Structures are given as C-alpha cells and as structure tokens.
Amino acid sequence: MKEDCKKNFERISEYLDGELGPDDCQQIEQHLEECPECRDCFDALKKTIDLCKKNAQEEIPGDMQNRLKSKLRECFGNN
C-alpha cells in the first residue's frame, strides 16, 4: 500500500462517521476516485459496517471475525 493510501485510510473511520471537515472529506473522496485498490477496500469496509449495524443483535461467529480481521489487515497492508 502506497504512503498516500495509508495516510487516507488512517482517517477513513472518521470519514465514515462524519467527523472530518469538508477539506479532509474532499481529499479522501478524490483519492478514492483515483485509486481503485483503496476504493475496493473502502467499499468492502462500508458494506461490513452496514451489515454489522443491520445485524447488531446477532453475534458474529469467531471464524468470521478472524476472516474479516485478516481481510482488513490485507487491505491496510498489515500482513
């Protein structure tokens, strides 16, 4: 993962939570438009969050938690 990618993904949680200012949001959105790898990771993360919110009542099985963590580490380059 490129340094620019890491910098943007360090703030992606704040972006998804609406905690960043307009300039920071614009910077992340521009990066996502230009970087297909980050866009794919962002889309996967957003879908995961949406599923978790939708199924907040249900506990995620341990093996699924491990697979999710592994995939996120892979996206963030923390293998």
Protein backbone atom coordinates (compact mmCIF):
# COMPACT_ATOMS: atom_id res chain seq x y z
CA MET A 1 0.00 0.00 0.00
CA LYS A 2 1.38 3.40 -1.00
CA GLU A 3 2.08 6.05 1.61
CA ASP A 4 -0.73 8.27 0.28
CA CYS A 5 -3.12 5.32 0.60
CA LYS A 6 -2.08 4.67 4.20
CA LYS A 7 -2.50 8.34 5.10
CA ASN A 8 -6.05 8.40 3.77
CA PHE A 9 -7.05 5.06 5.25
CA GLU A 10 -5.86 6.14 8.69
CA ARG A 11 -8.73 8.65 8.61
CA ILE A 12 -11.34 6.52 6.86
CA SER A 13 -13.19 5.67 10.06
CA GLU A 14 -13.55 9.35 10.89
CA TYR A 15 -14.72 9.94 7.32
CA LEU A 16 -17.40 7.25 7.58
CA ASP A 17 -18.54 8.65 10.93
CA GLY A 18 -18.84 12.18 9.51
CA GLU A 19 -16.17 13.55 11.85
CA LEU A 20 -13.94 15.22 9.23
CA GLY A 21 -14.16 18.70 7.83
CA PRO A 22 -15.08 19.38 4.21
CA ASP A 23 -11.47 19.74 3.02
CA ASP A 24 -10.44 16.39 4.51
CA CYS A 25 -13.55 14.71 3.09
CA GLN A 26 -12.81 16.11 -0.34
CA GLN A 27 -9.23 14.85 -0.16
CA ILE A 28 -10.35 11.33 0.76
CA GLU A 29 -13.09 11.30 -1.88
CA GLN A 30 -10.63 12.42 -4.54
CA HIS A 31 -8.20 9.69 -3.52
CA LEU A 32 -10.96 7.07 -3.65
CA GLU A 33 -11.88 8.23 -7.17
CA GLU A 34 -8.27 7.91 -8.33
CA CYS A 35 -7.24 4.71 -6.53
CA PRO A 36 -9.21 1.56 -7.38
CA GLU A 37 -7.47 -0.52 -4.68
CA CYS A 38 -8.48 1.90 -1.92
CA ARG A 39 -11.97 2.25 -3.38
CA ASP A 40 -12.39 -1.55 -3.26
CA CYS A 41 -11.19 -1.68 0.34
CA PHE A 42 -13.42 1.27 1.25
CA ASP A 43 -16.45 -0.37 -0.36
CA ALA A 44 -15.78 -3.64 1.46
CA LEU A 45 -15.34 -1.83 4.78
CA LYS A 46 -18.52 0.18 4.29
CA LYS A 47 -20.51 -2.96 3.43
CA THR A 48 -19.09 -4.70 6.50
CA ILE A 49 -20.07 -1.79 8.74
CA ASP A 50 -23.55 -1.66 7.21
CA LEU A 51 -24.01 -5.40 7.77
CA CYS A 52 -22.80 -5.11 11.35
CA LYS A 53 -25.22 -2.28 12.05
CA LYS A 54 -28.06 -4.19 10.41
CA ASN A 55 -27.31 -7.32 12.40
CA ALA A 56 -26.12 -5.66 15.61
CA GLN A 57 -28.35 -8.00 17.60
CA GLU A 58 -26.57 -11.07 16.27
CA GLU A 59 -23.11 -12.13 17.38
CA ILE A 60 -20.56 -12.59 14.60
CA PRO A 61 -19.07 -16.12 14.72
CA GLY A 62 -15.41 -16.28 15.71
CA ASP A 63 -14.23 -17.71 12.39
CA MET A 64 -15.97 -14.90 10.50
CA GLN A 65 -14.41 -12.30 12.83
CA ASN A 66 -10.99 -13.76 12.08
CA ARG A 67 -11.60 -13.69 8.32
CA LEU A 68 -12.78 -10.07 8.49
CA LYS A 69 -9.76 -9.03 10.53
CA SER A 70 -7.46 -10.82 8.12
CA LYS A 71 -9.05 -9.14 5.10
CA LEU A 72 -8.83 -5.69 6.73
CA ARG A 73 -5.17 -6.27 7.59
CA GLU A 74 -4.60 -7.25 3.97
CA CYS A 75 -6.29 -4.05 2.74
CA PHE A 76 -4.28 -1.89 5.13
CA GLY A 77 -1.02 -3.66 4.32
CA ASN A 78 -0.52 -5.00 7.86
CA ASN A 79 0.02 -8.64 6.95
